[in-house]
PDB file of N, CA and C in Angstrom:
ATOM      1  N   UNK A   1       0.713  -0.825  -0.429  1.00  0.00           N
ATOM      2  CA  UNK A   1       0.313   0.009  -0.338  1.00  0.00           C
ATOM      3  C   UNK A   1       0.971   0.909  -0.291  1.00  0.00           C
ATOM      4  N   UNK A   2       0.507   2.294  -1.087  1.00  0.00           N
ATOM      5  CA  UNK A   2       1.021   3.194  -1.000  1.00  0.00           C
ATOM      6  C   UNK A   2       0.057   4.586  -0.301  1.00  0.00           C
ATOM      7  N   UNK A   3       1.004   5.865  -0.720  1.00  0.00           N
ATOM      8  CA  UNK A   3      -0.060   7.057  -0.106  1.00  0.00           C
ATOM      9  C   UNK A   3      -0.209   8.013  -0.989  1.00  0.00           C
ATOM     10  N   UNK A   4      -0.912   8.120  -1.394  1.00  0.00           N
ATOM     11  CA  UNK A   4      -1.348   8.757  -2.487  1.00  0.00           C
ATOM     12  C   UNK A   4      -2.107  10.351  -2.015  1.00  0.00           C
ATOM     13  N   UNK A   5      -1.364  11.697  -3.221  1.00  0.00           N
ATOM     14  CA  UNK A   5      -2.640  12.575  -2.880  1.00  0.00           C
ATOM     15  C   UNK A   5      -3.093  12.781  -4.593  1.00  0.00           C
ATOM     16  N   UNK A   6      -4.804  13.334  -4.169  1.00  0.00           N
ATOM     17  CA  UNK A   6      -5.188  13.140  -5.560  1.00  0.00           C
ATOM     18  C   UNK A   6      -5.944  14.464  -5.822  1.00  0.00           C
ATOM     19  N   UNK A   7      -5.713  14.933  -6.555  1.00  0.00           N
ATOM     20  CA  UNK A   7      -6.510  16.394  -7.097  1.00  0.00           C
ATOM     21  C   UNK A   7      -7.295  16.189  -8.151  1.00  0.00           C
ATOM     22  N   UNK A   8      -8.432  16.813  -7.982  1.00  0.00           N
ATOM     23  CA  UNK A   8      -9.718  16.470  -9.065  1.00  0.00           C
ATOM     24  C   UNK A   8      -9.787  17.745  -9.541  1.00  0.00           C
ATOM     25  N   UNK A   9      -9.824  17.599 -11.246  1.00  0.00           N
ATOM     26  CA  UNK A   9     -10.477  19.460 -11.837  1.00  0.00           C
ATOM     27  C   UNK A   9     -11.058  18.668 -12.083  1.00  0.00           C
ATOM     28  N   UNK A  10     -12.534  20.173 -11.942  1.00  0.00           N
ATOM     29  CA  UNK A  10     -13.384  20.180 -13.319  1.00  0.00           C
ATOM     30  C   UNK A  10     -13.804  19.918 -14.361  1.00  0.00           C
ATOM     31  N   UNK A  11     -14.244  18.865 -15.014  1.00  0.00           N
ATOM     32  CA  UNK A  11     -14.657  18.563 -16.620  1.00  0.00           C
ATOM     33  C   UNK A  11     -15.744  20.100 -17.499  1.00  0.00           C
ATOM     34  N   UNK A  12     -14.715  20.496 -18.073  1.00  0.00           N
ATOM     35  CA  UNK A  12     -15.210  21.756 -18.768  1.00  0.00           C
ATOM     36  C   UNK A  12     -16.360  22.580 -18.112  1.00  0.00           C
ATOM     37  N   UNK A  13     -15.455  23.310 -16.946  1.00  0.00           N
ATOM     38  CA  UNK A  13     -16.544  24.343 -15.972  1.00  0.00           C
ATOM     39  C   UNK A  13     -15.380  25.250 -15.954  1.00  0.00           C
ATOM     40  N   UNK A  14     -14.883  26.142 -16.291  1.00  0.00           N
ATOM     41  CA  UNK A  14     -14.639  27.115 -15.605  1.00  0.00           C
ATOM     42  C   UNK A  14     -14.886  27.971 -14.521  1.00  0.00           C
ATOM     43  N   UNK A  15     -14.143  27.991 -13.538  1.00  0.00           N
ATOM     44  CA  UNK A  15     -14.171  29.157 -12.832  1.00  0.00           C
ATOM     45  C   UNK A  15     -14.476  27.913 -11.087  1.00  0.00           C
ATOM     46  N   UNK A  16     -14.753  26.833 -11.288  1.00  0.00           N
ATOM     47  CA  UNK A  16     -15.036  26.254 -10.468  1.00  0.00           C
ATOM     48  C   UNK A  16     -13.960  25.361  -9.454  1.00  0.00           C
ATOM     49  N   UNK A  17     -13.438  25.836  -8.271  1.00  0.00           N
ATOM     50  CA  UNK A  17     -12.226  25.676  -7.612  1.00  0.00           C
ATOM     51  C   UNK A  17     -11.712  24.029  -7.586  1.00  0.00           C
ATOM     52  N   UNK A  18     -10.624  23.415  -7.724  1.00  0.00           N
ATOM     53  CA  UNK A  18     -10.322  21.644  -8.098  1.00  0.00           C
ATOM     54  C   UNK A  18     -10.527  21.505  -6.400  1.00  0.00           C
ATOM     55  N   UNK A  19     -10.669  20.271  -6.301  1.00  0.00           N
ATOM     56  CA  UNK A  19     -10.893  19.500  -5.025  1.00  0.00           C
ATOM     57  C   UNK A  19      -9.562  18.875  -5.239  1.00  0.00           C
ATOM     58  N   UNK A  20      -8.654  18.570  -3.869  1.00  0.00           N
ATOM     59  CA  UNK A  20      -7.644  18.187  -3.490  1.00  0.00           C
ATOM     60  C   UNK A  20      -7.958  16.877  -2.051  1.00  0.00           C
ATOM     61  N   UNK A  21      -7.676  15.787  -2.364  1.00  0.00           N
ATOM     62  CA  UNK A  21      -7.921  14.252  -1.446  1.00  0.00           C
ATOM     63  C   UNK A  21      -6.355  14.460  -0.883  1.00  0.00           C
ATOM     64  N   UNK A  22      -5.631  14.324   0.243  1.00  0.00           N
ATOM     65  CA  UNK A  22      -4.583  14.709   0.694  1.00  0.00           C
ATOM     66  C   UNK A  22      -4.771  12.695   1.964  1.00  0.00           C
ATOM     67  N   UNK A  23      -3.768  11.842   1.437  1.00  0.00           N
ATOM     68  CA  UNK A  23      -3.574  10.670   2.143  1.00  0.00           C
ATOM     69  C   UNK A  23      -4.488   9.359   2.132  1.00  0.00           C
ATOM     70  N   UNK A  24      -4.572   9.122   0.983  1.00  0.00           N
ATOM     71  CA  UNK A  24      -5.366   8.283   0.497  1.00  0.00           C
ATOM     72  C   UNK A  24      -4.696   7.383   0.039  1.00  0.00           C
ATOM     73  N   UNK A  25      -4.325   6.010   0.807  1.00  0.00           N
ATOM     74  CA  UNK A  25      -3.988   5.032   0.821  1.00  0.00           C
ATOM     75  C   UNK A  25      -4.551   3.759   0.197  1.00  0.00           C
ATOM     76  N   UNK A  26      -3.774   3.476  -0.696  1.00  0.00           N
ATOM     77  CA  UNK A  26      -4.191   2.528  -2.198  1.00  0.00           C
ATOM     78  C   UNK A  26      -2.807   1.921  -3.011  1.00  0.00           C
ATOM     79  N   UNK A  27      -2.744   0.428  -3.338  1.00  0.00           N
ATOM     80  CA  UNK A  27      -2.025  -0.116  -4.221  1.00  0.00           C
ATOM     81  C   UNK A  27      -1.528   0.851  -5.651  1.00  0.00           C
ATOM     82  N   UNK A  28      -2.559   1.343  -6.086  1.00  0.00           N
ATOM     83  CA  UNK A  28      -1.736   2.076  -7.361  1.00  0.00           C
ATOM     84  C   UNK A  28      -2.863   3.315  -7.641  1.00  0.00           C
ATOM     85  N   UNK A  29      -2.281   3.893  -8.822  1.00  0.00           N
ATOM     86  CA  UNK A  29      -2.840   5.184  -8.666  1.00  0.00           C
ATOM     87  C   UNK A  29      -4.581   5.215  -9.151  1.00  0.00           C
ATOM     88  N   UNK A  30      -4.914   4.390  -9.801  1.00  0.00           N
ATOM     89  CA  UNK A  30      -6.281   4.446 -10.549  1.00  0.00           C
ATOM     90  C   UNK A  30      -7.003   3.944  -9.245  1.00  0.00           C
ATOM     91  N   UNK A  31      -6.706   2.595  -8.412  1.00  0.00           N
ATOM     92  CA  UNK A  31      -7.624   2.156  -6.926  1.00  0.00           C
ATOM     93  C   UNK A  31      -7.766   4.435  -5.489  1.00  0.00           C
ATOM     94  N   UNK A  32      -6.140   4.874  -6.229  1.00  0.00           N
ATOM     95  CA  UNK A  32      -6.322   6.199  -5.467  1.00  0.00           C
ATOM     96  C   UNK A  32      -7.034   6.694  -5.622  1.00  0.00           C
ATOM     97  N   UNK A  33      -7.433   6.649  -6.732  1.00  0.00           N
ATOM     98  CA  UNK A  33      -8.408   8.030  -7.426  1.00  0.00           C
ATOM     99  C   UNK A  33     -10.320   7.503  -6.572  1.00  0.00           C
ATOM    100  N   UNK A  34     -10.543   6.303  -7.644  1.00  0.00           N
ATOM    101  CA  UNK A  34     -11.992   5.820  -6.515  1.00  0.00           C
ATOM    102  C   UNK A  34     -11.840   5.524  -5.449  1.00  0.00           C
ATOM    103  N   UNK A  35     -10.098   5.528  -4.447  1.00  0.00           N
ATOM    104  CA  UNK A  35     -10.960   5.506  -3.330  1.00  0.00           C
ATOM    105  C   UNK A  35     -11.481   6.828  -2.722  1.00  0.00           C
ATOM    106  N   UNK A  36     -10.647   7.744  -3.460  1.00  0.00           N
ATOM    107  CA  UNK A  36     -11.031   9.404  -2.973  1.00  0.00           C
ATOM    108  C   UNK A  36     -12.155  10.092  -3.759  1.00  0.00           C
ATOM    109  N   UNK A  37     -12.710   9.805  -4.811  1.00  0.00           N
ATOM    110  CA  UNK A  37     -13.795   9.562  -5.205  1.00  0.00           C
ATOM    111  C   UNK A  37     -15.003   9.174  -4.409  1.00  0.00           C
ATOM    112  N   UNK A  38     -14.580   7.991  -3.751  1.00  0.00           N
ATOM    113  CA  UNK A  38     -16.163   7.501  -3.221  1.00  0.00           C
ATOM    114  C   UNK A  38     -16.306   8.168  -1.584  1.00  0.00           C
ATOM    115  N   UNK A  39     -15.112   8.486  -0.987  1.00  0.00           N
ATOM    116  CA  UNK A  39     -14.934   9.584  -0.073  1.00  0.00           C
ATOM    117  C   UNK A  39     -15.381  10.653   0.225  1.00  0.00           C
ATOM    118  N   UNK A  40     -14.598  11.313  -0.615  1.00  0.00           N
ATOM    119  CA  UNK A  40     -15.830  12.614  -0.817  1.00  0.00           C
ATOM    120  C   UNK A  40     -17.297  12.665  -1.917  1.00  0.00           C
ATOM    121  N   UNK A  41     -17.571  11.348  -1.944  1.00  0.00           N
ATOM    122  CA  UNK A  41     -19.041  11.171  -2.719  1.00  0.00           C
ATOM    123  C   UNK A  41     -19.125  12.080  -3.735  1.00  0.00           C
ATOM    124  N   UNK A  42     -17.883  12.277  -4.981  1.00  0.00           N
ATOM    125  CA  UNK A  42     -18.423  12.196  -5.879  1.00  0.00           C
ATOM    126  C   UNK A  42     -18.125  11.703  -7.570  1.00  0.00           C
ATOM    127  N   UNK A  43     -18.623  12.195  -8.530  1.00  0.00           N
ATOM    128  CA  UNK A  43     -18.663  11.070  -9.940  1.00  0.00           C
ATOM    129  C   UNK A  43     -17.091  11.842 -10.176  1.00  0.00           C
ATOM    130  N   UNK A  44     -16.213  10.248 -10.158  1.00  0.00           N
ATOM    131  CA  UNK A  44     -14.783  10.859 -10.672  1.00  0.00           C
ATOM    132  C   UNK A  44     -14.897  10.764 -12.284  1.00  0.00           C
ATOM    133  N   UNK A  45     -16.307  10.587 -12.981  1.00  0.00           N
ATOM    134  CA  UNK A  45     -15.977  10.749 -14.129  1.00  0.00           C
ATOM    135  C   UNK A  45     -16.180  12.388 -14.589  1.00  0.00           C
ATOM    136  N   UNK A  46     -17.043  13.257 -13.978  1.00  0.00           N
ATOM    137  CA  UNK A  46     -17.472  14.630 -14.042  1.00  0.00           C
ATOM    138  C   UNK A  46     -16.026  15.398 -13.834  1.00  0.00           C
ATOM    139  N   UNK A  47     -15.011  14.639 -13.003  1.00  0.00           N
ATOM    140  CA  UNK A  47     -13.654  15.501 -13.026  1.00  0.00           C
ATOM    141  C   UNK A  47     -12.706  15.032 -13.529  1.00  0.00           C
ATOM    142  N   UNK A  48     -11.648  15.351 -14.356  1.00  0.00           N
ATOM    143  CA  UNK A  48     -10.281  15.348 -14.640  1.00  0.00           C
ATOM    144  C   UNK A  48      -8.919  14.927 -13.216  1.00  0.00           C
ATOM    145  N   UNK A  49      -8.573  13.404 -12.807  1.00  0.00           N
ATOM    146  CA  UNK A  49      -7.999  13.702 -11.424  1.00  0.00           C
ATOM    147  C   UNK A  49      -6.269  12.827 -12.399  1.00  0.00           C
ATOM    148  N   UNK A  50      -5.812  13.611 -11.496  1.00  0.00           N
ATOM    149  CA  UNK A  50      -4.242  13.230 -11.049  1.00  0.00           C
ATOM    150  C   UNK A  50      -4.406  13.144  -9.897  1.00  0.00           C
ATOM    151  N   UNK A  51      -3.267  11.726  -9.627  1.00  0.00           N
ATOM    152  CA  UNK A  51      -3.059  11.511  -8.427  1.00  0.00           C
ATOM    153  C   UNK A  51      -1.253  11.288  -8.257  1.00  0.00           C
ATOM    154  N   UNK A  52      -0.827  11.473  -7.787  1.00  0.00           N
ATOM    155  CA  UNK A  52       0.465  11.460  -6.845  1.00  0.00           C
ATOM    156  C   UNK A  52       0.975  10.837  -5.983  1.00  0.00           C
ATOM    157  N   UNK A  53       1.895   9.738  -5.722  1.00  0.00           N
ATOM    158  CA  UNK A  53       2.508   9.344  -4.797  1.00  0.00           C
ATOM    159  C   UNK A  53       3.192   9.973  -3.420  1.00  0.00           C
ATOM    160  N   UNK A  54       3.085  10.079  -2.341  1.00  0.00           N
ATOM    161  CA  UNK A  54       3.913  10.828  -1.417  1.00  0.00           C
ATOM    162  C   UNK A  54       4.982  10.340  -1.055  1.00  0.00           C
ATOM    163  N   UNK A  55       6.021  11.003  -0.767  1.00  0.00           N
ATOM    164  CA  UNK A  55       7.458  10.512  -0.915  1.00  0.00           C
ATOM    165  C   UNK A  55       7.278  10.487   0.352  1.00  0.00           C
ATOM    166  N   UNK A  56       7.967   9.240   1.422  1.00  0.00           N
ATOM    167  CA  UNK A  56       8.482  10.082   3.118  1.00  0.00           C
ATOM    168  C   UNK A  56       9.156  10.235   3.159  1.00  0.00           C
ATOM    169  N   UNK A  57      10.423  11.045   3.742  1.00  0.00           N
ATOM    170  CA  UNK A  57      11.777  11.528   3.957  1.00  0.00           C
ATOM    171  C   UNK A  57      11.565  10.044   4.753  1.00  0.00           C
ATOM    172  N   UNK A  58      11.618   9.665   5.619  1.00  0.00           N
ATOM    173  CA  UNK A  58      11.575   9.010   7.172  1.00  0.00           C
ATOM    174  C   UNK A  58      11.507   7.671   6.571  1.00  0.00           C
ATOM    175  N   UNK A  59      10.648   6.728   5.309  1.00  0.00           N
ATOM    176  CA  UNK A  59      11.135   5.929   5.278  1.00  0.00           C
ATOM    177  C   UNK A  59      12.815   5.435   4.190  1.00  0.00           C
ATOM    178  N   UNK A  60      12.708   6.267   4.060  1.00  0.00           N
ATOM    179  CA  UNK A  60      14.092   6.531   2.816  1.00  0.00           C
ATOM    180  C   UNK A  60      15.513   6.011   3.845  1.00  0.00           C
ATOM    181  N   UNK A  61      15.190   6.655   5.239  1.00  0.00           N
ATOM    182  CA  UNK A  61      16.424   6.268   6.022  1.00  0.00           C
ATOM    183  C   UNK A  61      15.979   5.167   7.396  1.00  0.00           C
ATOM    184  N   UNK A  62      14.870   4.536   6.854  1.00  0.00           N
ATOM    185  CA  UNK A  62      15.065   3.220   7.968  1.00  0.00           C
ATOM    186  C   UNK A  62      15.532   2.278   7.187  1.00  0.00           C
ATOM    187  N   UNK A  63      15.881   1.658   5.713  1.00  0.00           N
ATOM    188  CA  UNK A  63      16.115   0.834   5.235  1.00  0.00           C
ATOM    189  C   UNK A  63      17.956   0.280   5.679  1.00  0.00           C
TER     190      UNK A  63
END
């Protein structure tokens, strides 16, 4: 499992704010997008979604 930040950009609706969901635990990018959409009770098809993996500096030092 990895931790992801997911940004949702409204499709075709200028001026509407983006939605950012942080700290989503999921195995891959697509699962993170679906989990974030479910958590926020939104229809992911109405948004352009971007997921980026969170890097933890402490995880690199524990090796």
